[in-house]
Amino acid sequence: MSCYASVSVSLDGYYTGLNPSPQHMLGEGGEVLHAWLPRDVIDRPESGVHDIIAEEYTRVGAVVMGWDSYEHAETAWGPKPPFGVPVFVVTSRYSADDVRQGTTFHFVNDGFEAAVEQAHNAAGAKDVGLHGGGAIRQGLLHGLLEGLQLHLVPVLLGNGRQLFDGVDPGGIQLEQLRAAEGQNVTHIKYRVRYG
């Protein structure tokens, strides 16, 4: 069982613009990073999903995210979030489970690795998905992220939150497995190796 992540980034490595918040989930100017996503993909329909995104949904049995990712998007997700699997939110705040249609958010107060362990137990034979830049960085820092798909958007944001900020590049190698062209996006899939 492994951890897997998928995220849209600008050419200069940002996964949000400045000041992400519940009012501006992707920060100032960051909405361009998701412009390539068709609306039906965001809503996770039963059929007709883009093949590359469909793979992400079918391989993941549980998700780990940070509090920022949850707080910034939970209102936009509404009563039926797009996950359809248990989600474990790493936070220092105590909260009862947030139960919605198809998805329950569990709040984990004892750290990232504890959240990943709980997610692995919930995922069964499937992978654990890491959602949001903070969780992806933690996965890299802990050596737990084994697969990464970047949706590279041809835009320069110039500022915001950088995906690999604080990650030691000397300890990580990315082996490219696939590159696929889309409209205003390139999907690049990597195997992550450490050491």
N, C-alpha and C. Protein backbone atom coordinates (compact mmCIF):
# COMPACT_ATOMS: atom_id res chain seq x y z
N MET A 1 0.84 -1.17 0.00
CA MET A 1 0.00 0.00 0.00
C MET A 1 0.89 1.24 0.00
N SER A 2 0.50 2.26 -0.76
CA SER A 2 1.36 3.43 -0.87
C SER A 2 0.54 4.71 -0.77
N CYS A 3 1.24 5.83 -0.64
CA CYS A 3 0.61 7.14 -0.68
C CYS A 3 0.80 7.73 -2.07
N TYR A 4 -0.23 8.39 -2.55
CA TYR A 4 -0.26 8.94 -3.89
C TYR A 4 -0.81 10.35 -3.80
N ALA A 5 -0.35 11.24 -4.67
CA ALA A 5 -0.86 12.61 -4.68
C ALA A 5 -0.98 13.12 -6.10
N SER A 6 -1.89 14.05 -6.26
CA SER A 6 -2.13 14.68 -7.55
C SER A 6 -2.46 16.14 -7.28
N VAL A 7 -1.79 17.05 -8.00
CA VAL A 7 -2.01 18.48 -7.72
C VAL A 7 -1.70 19.30 -8.97
N SER A 8 -2.45 20.37 -9.14
CA SER A 8 -2.18 21.33 -10.21
C SER A 8 -1.15 22.34 -9.73
N VAL A 9 -0.17 22.63 -10.60
CA VAL A 9 0.87 23.61 -10.26
C VAL A 9 1.13 24.51 -11.45
N SER A 10 1.59 25.72 -11.14
CA SER A 10 2.02 26.64 -12.19
C SER A 10 3.42 26.24 -12.67
N LEU A 11 3.86 26.83 -13.76
CA LEU A 11 5.19 26.53 -14.27
C LEU A 11 6.28 26.90 -13.28
N ASP A 12 6.01 27.89 -12.42
CA ASP A 12 7.01 28.26 -11.42
C ASP A 12 6.76 27.58 -10.06
N GLY A 13 5.96 26.53 -10.05
CA GLY A 13 5.90 25.65 -8.89
C GLY A 13 4.90 26.00 -7.81
N TYR A 14 3.96 26.90 -8.07
CA TYR A 14 2.97 27.28 -7.05
C TYR A 14 1.69 26.45 -7.20
N TYR A 15 1.15 26.01 -6.06
CA TYR A 15 -0.13 25.29 -6.09
C TYR A 15 -1.28 26.15 -5.60
N THR A 16 -1.00 27.36 -5.10
CA THR A 16 -2.01 28.38 -4.84
C THR A 16 -1.38 29.73 -5.14
N GLY A 17 -2.25 30.75 -5.26
CA GLY A 17 -1.77 32.12 -5.28
C GLY A 17 -1.61 32.60 -3.84
N LEU A 18 -1.42 33.90 -3.68
CA LEU A 18 -1.28 34.48 -2.34
C LEU A 18 -2.59 34.40 -1.55
N ASN A 19 -2.46 34.26 -0.25
CA ASN A 19 -3.58 34.38 0.69
C ASN A 19 -4.76 33.46 0.42
N PRO A 20 -4.54 32.15 0.33
CA PRO A 20 -5.69 31.26 0.20
C PRO A 20 -6.57 31.36 1.45
N SER A 21 -7.87 31.22 1.26
CA SER A 21 -8.83 31.38 2.35
C SER A 21 -10.12 30.67 1.95
N PRO A 22 -11.09 30.57 2.87
CA PRO A 22 -12.37 29.99 2.48
C PRO A 22 -13.06 30.78 1.36
N GLN A 23 -12.78 32.08 1.26
CA GLN A 23 -13.37 32.89 0.19
C GLN A 23 -12.63 32.74 -1.14
N HIS A 24 -11.33 32.44 -1.07
CA HIS A 24 -10.50 32.25 -2.26
C HIS A 24 -9.64 31.01 -2.03
N MET A 25 -10.23 29.83 -2.29
CA MET A 25 -9.58 28.56 -1.95
C MET A 25 -8.18 28.43 -2.52
N LEU A 26 -7.98 28.93 -3.75
CA LEU A 26 -6.68 28.81 -4.41
C LEU A 26 -5.88 30.10 -4.35
N GLY A 27 -6.28 31.02 -3.50
CA GLY A 27 -5.56 32.27 -3.34
C GLY A 27 -5.84 33.24 -4.47
N GLU A 28 -5.21 34.39 -4.37
CA GLU A 28 -5.40 35.46 -5.36
C GLU A 28 -4.79 35.03 -6.70
N GLY A 29 -5.64 34.90 -7.70
CA GLY A 29 -5.20 34.49 -9.04
C GLY A 29 -4.98 33.00 -9.20
N GLY A 30 -5.14 32.22 -8.14
CA GLY A 30 -4.87 30.79 -8.20
C GLY A 30 -5.93 29.95 -8.90
N GLU A 31 -7.12 30.52 -9.12
CA GLU A 31 -8.19 29.75 -9.77
C GLU A 31 -7.80 29.27 -11.16
N VAL A 32 -6.84 29.94 -11.80
CA VAL A 32 -6.37 29.53 -13.12
C VAL A 32 -5.77 28.12 -13.09
N LEU A 33 -5.32 27.68 -11.92
CA LEU A 33 -4.71 26.35 -11.81
C LEU A 33 -5.71 25.22 -12.00
N HIS A 34 -6.99 25.50 -11.77
CA HIS A 34 -8.02 24.48 -11.95
C HIS A 34 -8.91 24.74 -13.16
N ALA A 35 -8.56 25.72 -13.98
CA ALA A 35 -9.39 26.07 -15.14
C ALA A 35 -9.49 24.92 -16.13
N TRP A 36 -8.51 24.03 -16.16
CA TRP A 36 -8.51 22.90 -17.10
C TRP A 36 -9.50 21.82 -16.69
N LEU A 37 -9.94 21.81 -15.42
CA LEU A 37 -10.82 20.75 -14.93
C LEU A 37 -12.25 20.96 -15.41
N PRO A 38 -12.80 20.02 -16.19
CA PRO A 38 -14.21 20.15 -16.57
C PRO A 38 -15.09 20.06 -15.32
N ARG A 39 -16.21 20.73 -15.33
CA ARG A 39 -17.11 20.76 -14.17
C ARG A 39 -17.55 19.35 -13.76
N ASP A 40 -17.80 18.47 -14.73
CA ASP A 40 -18.28 17.13 -14.37
C ASP A 40 -17.20 16.32 -13.67
N VAL A 41 -15.93 16.64 -13.90
CA VAL A 41 -14.85 15.95 -13.20
C VAL A 41 -14.81 16.39 -11.74
N ILE A 42 -14.98 17.69 -11.52
CA ILE A 42 -14.98 18.20 -10.15
C ILE A 42 -16.12 17.57 -9.36
N ASP A 43 -17.25 17.36 -10.00
CA ASP A 43 -18.42 16.79 -9.31
C ASP A 43 -18.37 15.27 -9.21
N ARG A 44 -17.35 14.64 -9.75
CA ARG A 44 -17.14 13.20 -9.67
C ARG A 44 -18.37 12.40 -10.12
N PRO A 45 -18.68 12.44 -11.41
CA PRO A 45 -19.83 11.66 -11.88
C PRO A 45 -19.50 10.17 -11.92
N GLU A 46 -20.51 9.38 -12.06
CA GLU A 46 -20.30 7.93 -12.12
C GLU A 46 -19.66 7.52 -13.44
N SER A 47 -19.88 8.28 -14.49
CA SER A 47 -19.29 7.94 -15.78
C SER A 47 -18.88 9.22 -16.49
N GLY A 48 -18.06 9.06 -17.51
CA GLY A 48 -17.66 10.20 -18.32
C GLY A 48 -16.50 10.99 -17.75
N VAL A 49 -15.81 10.48 -16.74
CA VAL A 49 -14.69 11.20 -16.14
C VAL A 49 -13.47 11.05 -17.03
N HIS A 50 -12.72 12.11 -17.15
CA HIS A 50 -11.45 12.10 -17.88
C HIS A 50 -10.61 10.93 -17.37
N ASP A 51 -10.00 10.16 -18.28
CA ASP A 51 -9.27 8.94 -17.90
C ASP A 51 -8.20 9.19 -16.83
N ILE A 52 -7.47 10.27 -16.96
CA ILE A 52 -6.38 10.53 -16.02
C ILE A 52 -6.93 10.80 -14.62
N ILE A 53 -8.03 11.52 -14.53
CA ILE A 53 -8.64 11.80 -13.24
C ILE A 53 -9.35 10.57 -12.71
N ALA A 54 -9.97 9.80 -13.60
CA ALA A 54 -10.66 8.58 -13.17
C ALA A 54 -9.71 7.63 -12.47
N GLU A 55 -8.47 7.54 -12.96
CA GLU A 55 -7.47 6.68 -12.33
C GLU A 55 -7.23 7.10 -10.88
N GLU A 56 -7.20 8.40 -10.65
CA GLU A 56 -6.96 8.90 -9.29
C GLU A 56 -8.10 8.49 -8.36
N TYR A 57 -9.32 8.60 -8.83
CA TYR A 57 -10.46 8.24 -7.99
C TYR A 57 -10.50 6.75 -7.68
N THR A 58 -10.15 5.92 -8.66
CA THR A 58 -10.29 4.47 -8.46
C THR A 58 -9.16 3.87 -7.63
N ARG A 59 -7.99 4.49 -7.60
CA ARG A 59 -6.86 3.90 -6.89
C ARG A 59 -6.83 4.25 -5.41
N VAL A 60 -7.55 5.30 -5.00
CA VAL A 60 -7.47 5.83 -3.64
C VAL A 60 -8.63 5.33 -2.79
N GLY A 61 -8.28 4.78 -1.61
CA GLY A 61 -9.31 4.27 -0.70
C GLY A 61 -9.52 5.14 0.53
N ALA A 62 -8.65 6.11 0.75
CA ALA A 62 -8.77 7.08 1.85
C ALA A 62 -7.85 8.24 1.53
N VAL A 63 -8.11 9.37 2.18
CA VAL A 63 -7.37 10.60 1.90
C VAL A 63 -6.88 11.22 3.20
N VAL A 64 -5.67 11.82 3.14
CA VAL A 64 -5.13 12.62 4.25
C VAL A 64 -4.95 14.05 3.75
N MET A 65 -5.39 15.01 4.55
CA MET A 65 -5.20 16.42 4.21
C MET A 65 -4.91 17.20 5.49
N GLY A 66 -4.42 18.42 5.32
CA GLY A 66 -4.20 19.31 6.44
C GLY A 66 -5.43 20.14 6.74
N TRP A 67 -5.38 20.84 7.89
CA TRP A 67 -6.51 21.67 8.29
C TRP A 67 -6.79 22.77 7.28
N ASP A 68 -5.73 23.41 6.74
CA ASP A 68 -5.94 24.48 5.76
C ASP A 68 -6.75 24.00 4.57
N SER A 69 -6.40 22.84 4.04
CA SER A 69 -7.13 22.31 2.87
C SER A 69 -8.60 22.12 3.21
N TYR A 70 -8.86 21.57 4.38
CA TYR A 70 -10.24 21.35 4.81
C TYR A 70 -10.96 22.69 5.00
N GLU A 71 -10.36 23.58 5.77
CA GLU A 71 -11.02 24.84 6.10
C GLU A 71 -11.28 25.70 4.87
N HIS A 72 -10.34 25.69 3.92
CA HIS A 72 -10.48 26.55 2.74
C HIS A 72 -11.51 26.04 1.74
N ALA A 73 -11.82 24.74 1.78
CA ALA A 73 -12.69 24.20 0.74
C ALA A 73 -13.97 23.53 1.24
N GLU A 74 -14.11 23.34 2.56
CA GLU A 74 -15.22 22.52 3.02
C GLU A 74 -16.58 23.13 2.67
N THR A 75 -16.71 24.44 2.65
CA THR A 75 -17.99 25.05 2.28
C THR A 75 -18.27 24.83 0.80
N ALA A 76 -17.25 24.98 -0.03
CA ALA A 76 -17.43 24.79 -1.48
C ALA A 76 -17.80 23.35 -1.83
N TRP A 77 -17.29 22.38 -1.05
CA TRP A 77 -17.62 20.98 -1.33
C TRP A 77 -19.10 20.70 -1.10
N GLY A 78 -19.71 21.40 -0.17
CA GLY A 78 -21.13 21.21 0.08
C GLY A 78 -21.45 19.87 0.71
N PRO A 79 -22.72 19.42 0.60
CA PRO A 79 -23.15 18.20 1.28
C PRO A 79 -22.60 16.91 0.66
N LYS A 80 -22.10 17.01 -0.59
CA LYS A 80 -21.56 15.82 -1.26
C LYS A 80 -20.16 16.12 -1.78
N PRO A 81 -19.13 15.99 -0.91
CA PRO A 81 -17.75 16.25 -1.35
C PRO A 81 -17.33 15.27 -2.44
N PRO A 82 -16.28 15.62 -3.20
CA PRO A 82 -15.88 14.80 -4.34
C PRO A 82 -15.09 13.55 -3.99
N PHE A 83 -14.81 13.29 -2.71
CA PHE A 83 -13.90 12.21 -2.36
C PHE A 83 -14.55 10.83 -2.41
N GLY A 84 -15.66 10.65 -1.74
CA GLY A 84 -16.33 9.35 -1.73
C GLY A 84 -15.59 8.30 -0.94
N VAL A 85 -14.63 8.70 -0.12
CA VAL A 85 -13.85 7.80 0.74
C VAL A 85 -13.62 8.53 2.06
N PRO A 86 -13.19 7.81 3.12
CA PRO A 86 -12.89 8.50 4.37
C PRO A 86 -11.72 9.47 4.20
N VAL A 87 -11.82 10.63 4.86
CA VAL A 87 -10.77 11.65 4.80
C VAL A 87 -10.29 11.92 6.22
N PHE A 88 -8.97 11.93 6.40
CA PHE A 88 -8.36 12.15 7.71
C PHE A 88 -7.65 13.51 7.67
N VAL A 89 -8.13 14.43 8.51
CA VAL A 89 -7.65 15.81 8.52
C VAL A 89 -6.69 15.98 9.68
N VAL A 90 -5.44 16.34 9.37
CA VAL A 90 -4.42 16.56 10.40
C VAL A 90 -4.63 17.95 11.00
N THR A 91 -4.85 18.00 12.30
CA THR A 91 -5.12 19.27 12.95
C THR A 91 -4.77 19.20 14.43
N SER A 92 -4.53 20.36 15.02
CA SER A 92 -4.33 20.42 16.47
C SER A 92 -5.66 20.72 17.17
N ARG A 93 -6.70 20.94 16.39
CA ARG A 93 -8.02 21.25 16.95
C ARG A 93 -8.83 19.97 17.10
N TYR A 94 -9.56 19.87 18.18
CA TYR A 94 -10.43 18.72 18.35
C TYR A 94 -11.79 19.03 17.72
N SER A 95 -12.31 18.07 16.99
CA SER A 95 -13.63 18.24 16.40
C SER A 95 -14.24 16.88 16.17
N ALA A 96 -15.54 16.80 16.31
CA ALA A 96 -16.26 15.56 16.00
C ALA A 96 -16.22 15.33 14.49
N ASP A 97 -16.40 14.09 14.07
CA ASP A 97 -16.41 13.77 12.65
C ASP A 97 -17.42 14.64 11.90
N ASP A 98 -17.02 15.05 10.69
CA ASP A 98 -17.89 15.79 9.79
C ASP A 98 -18.41 14.77 8.77
N VAL A 99 -19.67 14.35 8.93
CA VAL A 99 -20.25 13.29 8.09
C VAL A 99 -21.10 13.93 7.00
N ARG A 100 -20.74 13.62 5.75
CA ARG A 100 -21.49 14.12 4.60
C ARG A 100 -21.80 12.94 3.66
N GLN A 101 -22.52 13.21 2.62
CA GLN A 101 -22.92 12.14 1.70
C GLN A 101 -21.69 11.54 1.02
N GLY A 102 -21.38 10.28 1.33
CA GLY A 102 -20.28 9.57 0.69
C GLY A 102 -18.91 9.82 1.29
N THR A 103 -18.78 10.79 2.18
CA THR A 103 -17.47 11.14 2.75
C THR A 103 -17.63 11.50 4.22
N THR A 104 -16.75 10.93 5.06
CA THR A 104 -16.67 11.35 6.46
C THR A 104 -15.28 11.91 6.69
N PHE A 105 -15.21 13.12 7.27
CA PHE A 105 -13.96 13.75 7.63
C PHE A 105 -13.66 13.42 9.10
N HIS A 106 -12.54 12.74 9.34
CA HIS A 106 -12.08 12.41 10.68
C HIS A 106 -10.94 13.35 11.03
N PHE A 107 -10.96 13.95 12.21
CA PHE A 107 -9.95 14.91 12.61
C PHE A 107 -8.92 14.23 13.51
N VAL A 108 -7.66 14.27 13.09
CA VAL A 108 -6.58 13.53 13.75
C VAL A 108 -5.68 14.54 14.46
N ASN A 109 -5.54 14.38 15.79
CA ASN A 109 -4.81 15.34 16.60
C ASN A 109 -3.39 14.91 16.94
N ASP A 110 -2.97 13.71 16.52
CA ASP A 110 -1.64 13.25 16.92
C ASP A 110 -0.66 13.12 15.76
N GLY A 111 -0.78 14.00 14.77
CA GLY A 111 0.24 14.13 13.75
C GLY A 111 -0.04 13.47 12.42
N PHE A 112 0.82 13.84 11.46
CA PHE A 112 0.67 13.38 10.08
C PHE A 112 0.79 11.86 9.96
N GLU A 113 1.81 11.28 10.59
CA GLU A 113 2.01 9.84 10.45
C GLU A 113 0.86 9.05 11.04
N ALA A 114 0.26 9.53 12.13
CA ALA A 114 -0.91 8.87 12.71
C ALA A 114 -2.08 8.94 11.74
N ALA A 115 -2.24 10.08 11.07
CA ALA A 115 -3.32 10.22 10.09
C ALA A 115 -3.12 9.26 8.93
N VAL A 116 -1.87 9.14 8.46
CA VAL A 116 -1.58 8.21 7.36
C VAL A 116 -1.86 6.77 7.79
N GLU A 117 -1.48 6.42 9.01
CA GLU A 117 -1.73 5.06 9.49
C GLU A 117 -3.23 4.77 9.55
N GLN A 118 -4.01 5.71 10.05
CA GLN A 118 -5.46 5.52 10.10
C GLN A 118 -6.05 5.42 8.69
N ALA A 119 -5.52 6.24 7.79
CA ALA A 119 -6.00 6.21 6.41
C ALA A 119 -5.67 4.88 5.75
N HIS A 120 -4.47 4.36 5.99
CA HIS A 120 -4.10 3.05 5.43
C HIS A 120 -5.06 1.97 5.94
N ASN A 121 -5.38 2.01 7.21
CA ASN A 121 -6.31 1.02 7.76
C ASN A 121 -7.68 1.12 7.11
N ALA A 122 -8.11 2.34 6.80
CA ALA A 122 -9.42 2.54 6.17
C ALA A 122 -9.42 2.22 4.68
N ALA A 123 -8.25 2.36 4.03
CA ALA A 123 -8.17 2.22 2.57
C ALA A 123 -8.23 0.78 2.10
N GLY A 124 -8.00 -0.18 3.00
CA GLY A 124 -7.96 -1.57 2.57
C GLY A 124 -6.79 -1.81 1.63
N ALA A 125 -7.06 -2.38 0.48
CA ALA A 125 -6.00 -2.70 -0.48
C ALA A 125 -5.64 -1.51 -1.38
N LYS A 126 -6.34 -0.40 -1.24
CA LYS A 126 -6.11 0.75 -2.10
C LYS A 126 -5.06 1.69 -1.51
N ASP A 127 -4.67 2.68 -2.30
CA ASP A 127 -3.69 3.67 -1.87
C ASP A 127 -4.33 4.73 -0.99
N VAL A 128 -3.48 5.45 -0.28
CA VAL A 128 -3.88 6.63 0.47
C VAL A 128 -3.54 7.85 -0.38
N GLY A 129 -4.50 8.72 -0.59
CA GLY A 129 -4.26 9.95 -1.33
C GLY A 129 -3.89 11.08 -0.40
N LEU A 130 -2.90 11.87 -0.78
CA LEU A 130 -2.52 13.06 -0.02
C LEU A 130 -3.08 14.27 -0.76
N HIS A 131 -3.93 15.02 -0.08
CA HIS A 131 -4.64 16.14 -0.71
C HIS A 131 -4.10 17.46 -0.18
N GLY A 132 -3.65 18.31 -1.09
CA GLY A 132 -3.16 19.63 -0.71
C GLY A 132 -1.65 19.66 -0.58
N GLY A 133 -1.09 20.83 -0.79
CA GLY A 133 0.36 20.97 -0.79
C GLY A 133 1.01 20.63 0.53
N GLY A 134 0.38 20.99 1.64
CA GLY A 134 0.95 20.68 2.94
C GLY A 134 1.08 19.19 3.18
N ALA A 135 0.03 18.44 2.85
CA ALA A 135 0.08 16.98 3.02
C ALA A 135 1.09 16.35 2.07
N ILE A 136 1.19 16.88 0.86
CA ILE A 136 2.16 16.35 -0.10
C ILE A 136 3.59 16.58 0.41
N ARG A 137 3.87 17.79 0.91
CA ARG A 137 5.20 18.06 1.46
C ARG A 137 5.50 17.15 2.65
N GLN A 138 4.53 16.94 3.53
CA GLN A 138 4.73 16.04 4.66
C GLN A 138 5.01 14.62 4.18
N GLY A 139 4.30 14.19 3.14
CA GLY A 139 4.54 12.86 2.57
C GLY A 139 5.96 12.72 2.06
N LEU A 140 6.48 13.78 1.42
CA LEU A 140 7.86 13.76 0.93
C LEU A 140 8.85 13.80 2.09
N LEU A 141 8.60 14.65 3.06
CA LEU A 141 9.51 14.78 4.20
C LEU A 141 9.59 13.50 5.03
N HIS A 142 8.49 12.75 5.10
CA HIS A 142 8.46 11.49 5.84
C HIS A 142 8.81 10.28 4.98
N GLY A 143 9.07 10.50 3.68
CA GLY A 143 9.41 9.39 2.79
C GLY A 143 8.26 8.45 2.52
N LEU A 144 7.02 8.95 2.58
CA LEU A 144 5.83 8.11 2.42
C LEU A 144 5.16 8.24 1.07
N LEU A 145 5.45 9.31 0.34
CA LEU A 145 4.81 9.54 -0.95
C LEU A 145 5.54 8.74 -2.03
N GLU A 146 4.82 7.83 -2.67
CA GLU A 146 5.44 6.97 -3.68
C GLU A 146 5.04 7.32 -5.11
N GLY A 147 3.91 7.97 -5.27
CA GLY A 147 3.45 8.36 -6.60
C GLY A 147 2.96 9.79 -6.60
N LEU A 148 3.32 10.56 -7.63
CA LEU A 148 2.94 11.97 -7.71
C LEU A 148 2.54 12.30 -9.14
N GLN A 149 1.38 12.90 -9.28
CA GLN A 149 0.96 13.39 -10.59
C GLN A 149 0.81 14.91 -10.52
N LEU A 150 1.58 15.58 -11.36
CA LEU A 150 1.48 17.04 -11.46
C LEU A 150 0.67 17.40 -12.69
N HIS A 151 -0.28 18.28 -12.51
CA HIS A 151 -1.04 18.85 -13.62
C HIS A 151 -0.43 20.22 -13.86
N LEU A 152 0.48 20.29 -14.81
CA LEU A 152 1.30 21.48 -15.04
C LEU A 152 0.55 22.47 -15.93
N VAL A 153 0.23 23.62 -15.35
CA VAL A 153 -0.58 24.64 -16.04
C VAL A 153 0.36 25.72 -16.56
N PRO A 154 0.26 26.09 -17.85
CA PRO A 154 1.20 27.04 -18.45
C PRO A 154 0.93 28.49 -18.05
N VAL A 155 1.21 28.76 -16.76
CA VAL A 155 1.05 30.11 -16.23
C VAL A 155 2.14 30.33 -15.18
N LEU A 156 2.58 31.57 -15.04
CA LEU A 156 3.53 31.94 -13.99
C LEU A 156 2.78 32.76 -12.95
N LEU A 157 2.63 32.22 -11.74
CA LEU A 157 1.92 32.95 -10.69
C LEU A 157 2.82 33.97 -10.00
N GLY A 158 4.10 33.67 -9.86
CA GLY A 158 5.04 34.61 -9.27
C GLY A 158 5.06 34.64 -7.75
N ASN A 159 3.96 34.21 -7.13
CA ASN A 159 3.93 34.14 -5.67
C ASN A 159 2.76 33.25 -5.23
N GLY A 160 2.75 32.94 -3.95
CA GLY A 160 1.75 32.04 -3.41
C GLY A 160 2.43 30.96 -2.60
N ARG A 161 1.87 29.77 -2.61
CA ARG A 161 2.46 28.64 -1.88
C ARG A 161 3.13 27.71 -2.89
N GLN A 162 4.43 27.44 -2.65
CA GLN A 162 5.19 26.58 -3.55
C GLN A 162 5.12 25.13 -3.06
N LEU A 163 4.94 24.23 -4.00
CA LEU A 163 4.74 22.83 -3.66
C LEU A 163 5.94 22.22 -2.95
N PHE A 164 7.15 22.51 -3.41
CA PHE A 164 8.33 21.84 -2.88
C PHE A 164 9.10 22.70 -1.87
N ASP A 165 8.47 23.74 -1.36
CA ASP A 165 9.10 24.61 -0.37
C ASP A 165 9.48 23.80 0.88
N GLY A 166 10.75 23.87 1.26
CA GLY A 166 11.21 23.17 2.45
C GLY A 166 11.59 21.72 2.25
N VAL A 167 11.47 21.21 1.04
CA VAL A 167 11.81 19.81 0.75
C VAL A 167 13.25 19.75 0.24
N ASP A 168 14.06 18.87 0.82
CA ASP A 168 15.46 18.71 0.42
C ASP A 168 15.52 18.00 -0.93
N PRO A 169 15.94 18.70 -1.99
CA PRO A 169 15.95 18.07 -3.32
C PRO A 169 16.99 16.96 -3.44
N GLY A 170 18.00 16.98 -2.56
CA GLY A 170 19.05 15.97 -2.66
C GLY A 170 18.60 14.58 -2.26
N GLY A 171 17.53 14.49 -1.49
CA GLY A 171 17.09 13.18 -1.02
C GLY A 171 15.95 12.56 -1.80
N ILE A 172 15.55 13.21 -2.89
CA ILE A 172 14.37 12.75 -3.64
C ILE A 172 14.70 12.69 -5.12
N GLN A 173 14.32 11.59 -5.76
CA GLN A 173 14.42 11.47 -7.21
C GLN A 173 13.02 11.20 -7.76
N LEU A 174 12.69 11.86 -8.87
CA LEU A 174 11.41 11.66 -9.53
C LEU A 174 11.65 10.93 -10.84
N GLU A 175 11.05 9.77 -10.98
CA GLU A 175 11.14 8.99 -12.22
C GLU A 175 9.86 9.20 -13.02
N GLN A 176 9.99 9.83 -14.20
CA GLN A 176 8.80 10.10 -14.99
C GLN A 176 8.25 8.81 -15.59
N LEU A 177 6.96 8.59 -15.37
CA LEU A 177 6.29 7.40 -15.89
C LEU A 177 5.43 7.71 -17.11
N ARG A 178 4.90 8.94 -17.16
CA ARG A 178 3.99 9.28 -18.26
C ARG A 178 3.87 10.79 -18.36
N ALA A 179 3.67 11.27 -19.57
CA ALA A 179 3.31 12.68 -19.80
C ALA A 179 2.18 12.68 -20.82
N ALA A 180 1.13 13.40 -20.52
CA ALA A 180 -0.02 13.46 -21.42
C ALA A 180 -0.45 14.90 -21.59
N GLU A 181 -0.67 15.29 -22.84
CA GLU A 181 -1.07 16.67 -23.12
C GLU A 181 -2.58 16.81 -22.99
N GLY A 182 -3.00 17.89 -22.36
CA GLY A 182 -4.41 18.26 -22.32
C GLY A 182 -4.55 19.68 -22.79
N GLN A 183 -5.77 20.21 -22.75
CA GLN A 183 -5.99 21.59 -23.16
C GLN A 183 -5.56 22.50 -22.02
N ASN A 184 -4.51 23.27 -22.23
CA ASN A 184 -3.94 24.19 -21.24
C ASN A 184 -3.44 23.47 -19.99
N VAL A 185 -2.96 22.23 -20.15
CA VAL A 185 -2.39 21.48 -19.03
C VAL A 185 -1.57 20.32 -19.58
N THR A 186 -0.51 19.97 -18.86
CA THR A 186 0.25 18.75 -19.15
C THR A 186 0.24 17.90 -17.88
N HIS A 187 -0.19 16.66 -18.01
CA HIS A 187 -0.27 15.75 -16.87
C HIS A 187 1.01 14.91 -16.85
N ILE A 188 1.79 15.04 -15.78
CA ILE A 188 3.05 14.31 -15.68
C ILE A 188 3.00 13.42 -14.44
N LYS A 189 3.18 12.14 -14.66
CA LYS A 189 3.09 11.16 -13.57
C LYS A 189 4.50 10.68 -13.22
N TYR A 190 4.81 10.67 -11.90
CA TYR A 190 6.14 10.30 -11.43
C TYR A 190 6.06 9.19 -10.38
N ARG A 191 7.11 8.38 -10.36
CA ARG A 191 7.39 7.51 -9.21
C ARG A 191 8.40 8.26 -8.35
N VAL A 192 8.16 8.30 -7.04
CA VAL A 192 9.05 9.03 -6.13
C VAL A 192 9.99 8.03 -5.45
N ARG A 193 11.29 8.32 -5.53
CA ARG A 193 12.30 7.49 -4.89
C ARG A 193 13.09 8.34 -3.89
N TYR A 194 13.56 7.71 -2.83
CA TYR A 194 14.26 8.42 -1.76
C TYR A 194 15.68 7.89 -1.60
N GLY A 195 16.58 8.77 -1.13
CA GLY A 195 17.94 8.34 -0.84
C GLY A 195 18.95 8.79 -1.85
